[in-house]
């Protein structure tokens, strides 16, 4: 059973609620982080909390000096160790949210709320890694890409009714940026290529994978790949905290790498899985 932390207490998630006056409900004002729990420890929690704080401050939430980030960090760690944490805390997900609260004053959200949800782990079958996934390209640009906002509506709309694709891939002006939930990479002519920070969300798993790739002798180039490069790429893959490294075999009508996952994404997933304990509860 999923649990949540709200209003000072852990409780079943069905007992948690926000007032309809909260600006998350009325205007979609909120930021969040999703973090993997492995063996009762939270993966890369320091990096995730830094990004959560940056997102909140960027949108005008008055959290400076409030201790909210420190409280959320403690609650995430405490919840991961609880007996009622989903999966016994061996394989779970904790999602931390900060909402706009009820008040906007002179351009600032002066009384933000926060809550956490602890849920079952994001299950990816071995077949999905072996088969790879498909993405739906869109010329849309993700609004405010450096902020991890709760507002996924316009990204979700790009793949409505498409049960053959995992999610959309933002490709504004003919250049690949990121997907709805993940960082995007191609491998071409011996180089791993991914969009630079500042043009996309500062992906926590993205940064880990780049660090591991460089240490393993790969060349990494931070630039936005052209859409026209998809057909020329040897491989493509995406990364996020919940599924690690996932191969991509099709982008729209373009087949990548002969339609099969390649050795680079496989190697990076092996490195990620083998080294993940280095980032547990950091």
Protein backbone atom coordinates (compact mmCIF):
# COMPACT_ATOMS: atom_id res chain seq x y z
CA UNK A 1 0.00 0.00 0.00
CA UNK A 2 1.22 3.49 -0.87
CA UNK A 3 1.74 5.91 1.99
CA UNK A 4 2.21 9.65 2.16
CA UNK A 5 3.48 12.29 4.55
CA UNK A 6 1.22 15.30 4.88
CA UNK A 7 0.38 17.78 7.63
CA UNK A 8 2.96 16.37 10.01
CA UNK A 9 2.15 12.65 9.81
CA UNK A 10 2.58 9.50 7.75
CA UNK A 11 -0.73 8.01 6.60
CA UNK A 12 -2.24 5.87 3.82
CA UNK A 13 -2.08 7.82 0.60
CA UNK A 14 -5.88 7.74 0.27
CA UNK A 15 -6.14 9.83 3.44
CA UNK A 16 -3.98 12.66 2.11
CA UNK A 17 -5.62 15.65 0.43
CA UNK A 18 -5.00 19.21 -0.71
CA UNK A 19 -7.55 21.99 -0.30
CA UNK A 20 -9.07 23.06 -3.59
CA UNK A 21 -7.76 26.55 -2.85
CA UNK A 22 -4.17 25.34 -3.31
CA UNK A 23 -2.59 26.86 -6.42
CA UNK A 24 -1.38 23.41 -7.49
CA UNK A 25 -5.05 22.59 -8.03
CA UNK A 26 -6.13 25.95 -9.41
CA UNK A 27 -3.13 26.90 -11.54
CA UNK A 28 -0.80 23.88 -11.71
CA UNK A 29 1.77 25.65 -9.51
CA UNK A 30 4.09 23.06 -8.03
CA UNK A 31 7.51 21.46 -8.27
CA UNK A 32 8.57 17.93 -7.44
CA UNK A 33 11.24 15.23 -7.43
CA UNK A 34 10.94 11.46 -7.92
CA UNK A 35 13.61 9.38 -6.18
CA UNK A 36 14.35 5.68 -6.16
CA UNK A 37 14.51 3.85 -2.83
CA UNK A 38 16.82 0.83 -2.78
CA UNK A 39 17.29 -1.23 0.38
CA UNK A 40 15.86 1.55 2.54
CA UNK A 41 18.18 4.22 1.13
CA UNK A 42 17.25 7.07 -1.20
CA UNK A 43 19.20 7.33 -4.44
CA UNK A 44 21.14 10.59 -4.93
CA UNK A 45 18.97 12.45 -2.43
CA UNK A 46 21.34 15.41 -2.08
CA UNK A 47 21.30 16.12 -5.82
CA UNK A 48 17.53 15.71 -6.00
CA UNK A 49 16.96 18.05 -3.05
CA UNK A 50 19.24 20.69 -4.55
CA UNK A 51 17.24 20.55 -7.78
CA UNK A 52 13.96 20.70 -5.86
CA UNK A 53 15.14 23.79 -4.01
CA UNK A 54 16.36 25.45 -7.21
CA UNK A 55 13.04 24.73 -8.93
CA UNK A 56 11.01 26.12 -6.03
CA UNK A 57 13.05 29.31 -5.79
CA UNK A 58 13.01 29.79 -9.57
CA UNK A 59 9.20 29.86 -9.71
CA UNK A 60 8.89 32.28 -6.81
CA UNK A 61 8.18 30.05 -3.83
CA UNK A 62 9.35 31.67 -0.60
CA UNK A 63 11.23 28.80 1.00
CA UNK A 64 14.47 30.53 1.95
CA UNK A 65 15.08 30.02 5.66
CA UNK A 66 11.94 27.89 6.04
CA UNK A 67 13.74 24.59 6.53
CA UNK A 68 11.38 22.90 4.05
CA UNK A 69 14.16 21.21 2.08
CA UNK A 70 15.76 19.89 5.26
CA UNK A 71 12.39 18.61 6.48
CA UNK A 72 11.65 16.89 3.17
CA UNK A 73 15.09 15.28 3.18
CA UNK A 74 14.56 13.88 6.68
CA UNK A 75 11.05 12.64 5.91
CA UNK A 76 12.22 10.90 2.73
CA UNK A 77 14.94 9.09 4.65
CA UNK A 78 12.63 8.23 7.55
CA UNK A 79 9.90 6.97 5.23
CA UNK A 80 12.32 4.73 3.35
CA UNK A 81 13.05 2.91 6.63
CA UNK A 82 9.45 2.45 7.76
CA UNK A 83 7.92 -1.01 7.92
CA UNK A 84 4.97 0.21 5.84
CA UNK A 85 7.12 1.66 3.08
CA UNK A 86 6.00 -0.06 -0.15
CA UNK A 87 8.09 -3.08 -0.98
CA UNK A 88 9.55 -2.99 2.49
CA UNK A 89 11.82 -0.21 1.28
CA UNK A 90 13.78 -2.63 -0.90
CA UNK A 91 12.42 -1.24 -4.17
CA UNK A 92 10.21 1.83 -3.90
CA UNK A 93 9.80 5.40 -5.10
CA UNK A 94 9.43 8.56 -3.06
CA UNK A 95 7.97 11.65 -4.72
CA UNK A 96 8.43 14.98 -2.94
CA UNK A 97 6.19 17.92 -3.85
CA UNK A 98 6.14 21.62 -3.00
CA UNK A 99 2.98 23.42 -4.08
CA UNK A 100 2.13 27.09 -4.50
CA UNK A 101 -0.08 27.06 -1.41
CA UNK A 102 -3.03 29.45 -1.23
CA UNK A 103 -1.36 32.85 -1.55
CA UNK A 104 0.42 34.75 -4.30
CA UNK A 105 1.67 38.15 -3.15
CA UNK A 106 3.69 40.58 -5.26
CA UNK A 107 4.71 37.74 -7.57
CA UNK A 108 5.71 35.30 -4.85
CA UNK A 109 4.05 32.21 -3.42
CA UNK A 110 4.45 33.10 0.23
CA UNK A 111 2.96 30.06 1.97
CA UNK A 112 3.90 26.92 0.03
CA UNK A 113 2.82 23.45 1.11
CA UNK A 114 4.76 20.23 0.84
CA UNK A 115 3.96 16.53 0.92
CA UNK A 116 5.60 13.22 0.00
CA UNK A 117 4.25 10.03 -1.54
CA UNK A 118 5.91 6.65 -1.11
CA UNK A 119 4.92 4.19 -3.83
CA UNK A 120 5.91 0.84 -5.29
CA UNK A 121 9.07 0.77 -7.38
CA UNK A 122 8.89 1.62 -11.06
CA UNK A 123 8.97 -1.84 -12.59
CA UNK A 124 10.70 -2.22 -15.93
CA UNK A 125 10.71 -5.72 -17.33
CA UNK A 126 13.91 -7.25 -18.74
CA UNK A 127 12.02 -7.53 -22.02
CA UNK A 128 11.67 -3.74 -22.26
CA UNK A 129 15.41 -3.27 -21.88
CA UNK A 130 16.00 -6.00 -24.46
CA UNK A 131 13.36 -4.66 -26.84
CA UNK A 132 13.88 -0.92 -26.39
CA UNK A 133 11.24 1.80 -26.46
CA UNK A 134 9.82 4.29 -28.95
CA UNK A 135 9.47 8.05 -28.60
CA UNK A 136 7.11 10.51 -30.26
CA UNK A 137 8.95 13.62 -31.47
CA UNK A 138 7.26 16.99 -31.17
CA UNK A 139 8.34 20.44 -32.30
CA UNK A 140 7.08 21.83 -28.99
CA UNK A 141 9.51 23.24 -26.43
CA UNK A 142 9.15 22.27 -22.77
CA UNK A 143 8.36 25.49 -20.88
CA UNK A 144 11.07 26.55 -18.42
CA UNK A 145 13.25 23.47 -18.96
CA UNK A 146 15.42 24.10 -15.89
CA UNK A 147 12.39 23.77 -13.57
CA UNK A 148 10.94 20.37 -12.65
CA UNK A 149 7.29 21.42 -12.64
CA UNK A 150 4.26 19.27 -11.87
CA UNK A 151 2.61 20.55 -15.06
CA UNK A 152 3.12 17.75 -17.58
CA UNK A 153 -0.14 18.34 -19.46
CA UNK A 154 1.22 19.71 -22.71
CA UNK A 155 3.91 17.04 -22.91
CA UNK A 156 1.40 14.29 -22.22
CA UNK A 157 -0.87 15.64 -24.96
CA UNK A 158 1.82 14.94 -27.57
CA UNK A 159 1.40 11.18 -27.13
CA UNK A 160 -2.31 10.93 -26.30
CA UNK A 161 -3.75 7.72 -27.69
CA UNK A 162 -0.32 6.35 -28.64
CA UNK A 163 0.15 3.12 -26.74
CA UNK A 164 3.14 2.28 -28.96
CA UNK A 165 5.34 5.08 -27.60
CA UNK A 166 6.76 5.66 -24.13
CA UNK A 167 6.63 9.47 -24.16
CA UNK A 168 7.28 12.52 -26.27
CA UNK A 169 10.69 13.87 -27.28
CA UNK A 170 10.88 17.65 -27.40
CA UNK A 171 12.57 18.76 -30.64
CA UNK A 172 12.17 22.55 -30.90
CA UNK A 173 13.63 24.17 -34.02
CA UNK A 174 14.78 20.80 -35.34
CA UNK A 175 17.04 19.95 -32.40
CA UNK A 176 16.60 17.20 -29.80
CA UNK A 177 16.28 18.45 -26.23
CA UNK A 178 14.81 15.95 -23.75
CA UNK A 179 11.80 13.74 -23.30
CA UNK A 180 8.83 14.36 -21.04
CA UNK A 181 10.45 12.53 -18.11
CA UNK A 182 14.01 11.73 -19.17
CA UNK A 183 17.32 12.97 -20.52
CA UNK A 184 17.97 12.01 -24.14
CA UNK A 185 21.18 10.72 -25.73
CA UNK A 186 22.35 9.49 -29.11
CA UNK A 187 25.55 7.62 -29.89
CA UNK A 188 27.08 8.49 -33.24
CA UNK A 189 30.55 7.99 -34.71
CA UNK A 190 32.04 6.97 -31.38
CA UNK A 191 30.60 9.87 -29.37
CA UNK A 192 27.77 10.08 -26.85
CA UNK A 193 25.79 13.26 -27.56
CA UNK A 194 23.32 14.92 -25.20
CA UNK A 195 21.88 18.40 -24.78
CA UNK A 196 23.81 20.70 -22.41
CA UNK A 197 22.55 21.73 -19.00
CA UNK A 198 20.68 25.01 -19.12
CA UNK A 199 18.86 24.01 -22.31
CA UNK A 200 17.33 20.98 -20.55
CA UNK A 201 16.60 19.86 -17.01
CA UNK A 202 19.72 19.11 -14.99
CA UNK A 203 19.12 15.36 -14.94
CA UNK A 204 20.47 13.61 -11.84
CA UNK A 205 20.79 10.24 -13.59
CA UNK A 206 22.09 12.02 -16.69
CA UNK A 207 24.99 13.39 -14.67
CA UNK A 208 25.74 10.00 -13.09
CA UNK A 209 25.73 8.26 -16.48
CA UNK A 210 28.00 10.91 -18.02
CA UNK A 211 30.44 10.51 -15.11
CA UNK A 212 30.47 6.73 -15.52
CA UNK A 213 30.80 6.96 -19.31
CA UNK A 214 33.80 9.30 -19.12
CA UNK A 215 35.50 7.09 -16.53
CA UNK A 216 34.96 4.10 -18.84
CA UNK A 217 36.69 5.81 -21.75
CA UNK A 218 33.71 7.11 -23.73
CA UNK A 219 33.73 10.52 -25.39
CA UNK A 220 30.77 12.72 -24.39
CA UNK A 221 29.74 15.83 -26.31
CA UNK A 222 27.18 18.19 -24.81
CA UNK A 223 25.21 19.67 -27.67
CA UNK A 224 21.72 19.33 -29.05
CA UNK A 225 21.63 16.72 -31.79
CA UNK A 226 19.77 17.60 -34.97
CA UNK A 227 16.60 15.68 -35.73
CA UNK A 228 18.24 14.74 -39.03
CA UNK A 229 20.92 12.87 -37.04
CA UNK A 230 18.45 10.32 -35.65
CA UNK A 231 18.64 8.20 -38.80
CA UNK A 232 22.46 8.36 -38.70
CA UNK A 233 22.79 7.43 -35.04
CA UNK A 234 24.16 4.04 -34.06
CA UNK A 235 22.09 4.10 -30.86
CA UNK A 236 19.80 6.26 -28.77
CA UNK A 237 18.80 5.99 -25.13
CA UNK A 238 17.17 7.88 -22.29
CA UNK A 239 17.97 8.10 -18.60
CA UNK A 240 16.02 8.90 -15.46
CA UNK A 241 16.08 7.96 -11.80
CA UNK A 242 13.37 5.33 -12.02
CA UNK A 243 14.49 3.16 -14.93
CA UNK A 244 18.20 4.05 -15.19
CA UNK A 245 19.37 3.63 -18.79
CA UNK A 246 16.68 2.67 -21.32
CA UNK A 247 17.49 2.03 -25.01
CA UNK A 248 15.45 3.80 -27.70
CA UNK A 249 14.92 1.98 -31.01
CA UNK A 250 12.46 4.27 -32.79
CA UNK A 251 11.76 8.01 -32.83
CA UNK A 252 8.58 8.76 -34.73
CA UNK A 253 8.96 6.99 -38.07
CA UNK A 254 12.76 6.80 -37.78
CA UNK A 255 14.27 3.47 -36.78
CA UNK A 256 17.47 3.86 -34.75
CA UNK A 257 20.31 1.33 -34.75
CA UNK A 258 18.48 -1.20 -36.87
CA UNK A 259 15.61 -1.28 -34.40
CA UNK A 260 17.55 -3.09 -31.68
CA UNK A 261 19.32 -1.89 -28.50
CA UNK A 262 23.06 -1.62 -28.97
CA UNK A 263 26.19 -2.34 -26.96
CA UNK A 264 26.71 1.22 -25.69
CA UNK A 265 23.39 1.53 -23.89
CA UNK A 266 23.88 -2.01 -22.59
CA UNK A 267 27.33 -1.15 -21.26
CA UNK A 268 26.12 2.05 -19.62
CA UNK A 269 23.23 0.23 -17.96
CA UNK A 270 25.67 -2.38 -16.63
CA UNK A 271 27.93 0.39 -15.27
CA UNK A 272 24.97 2.18 -13.72
CA UNK A 273 23.62 -0.94 -12.03
CA UNK A 274 27.06 -1.97 -10.79
CA UNK A 275 27.86 1.44 -9.30
CA UNK A 276 24.47 2.59 -8.04
CA UNK A 277 25.38 2.04 -4.38
CA UNK A 278 27.87 4.91 -4.66
CA UNK A 279 24.94 7.31 -4.90
CA UNK A 280 22.62 5.77 -2.31
CA UNK A 281 21.52 8.26 0.38
CA UNK A 282 24.17 10.78 -0.62
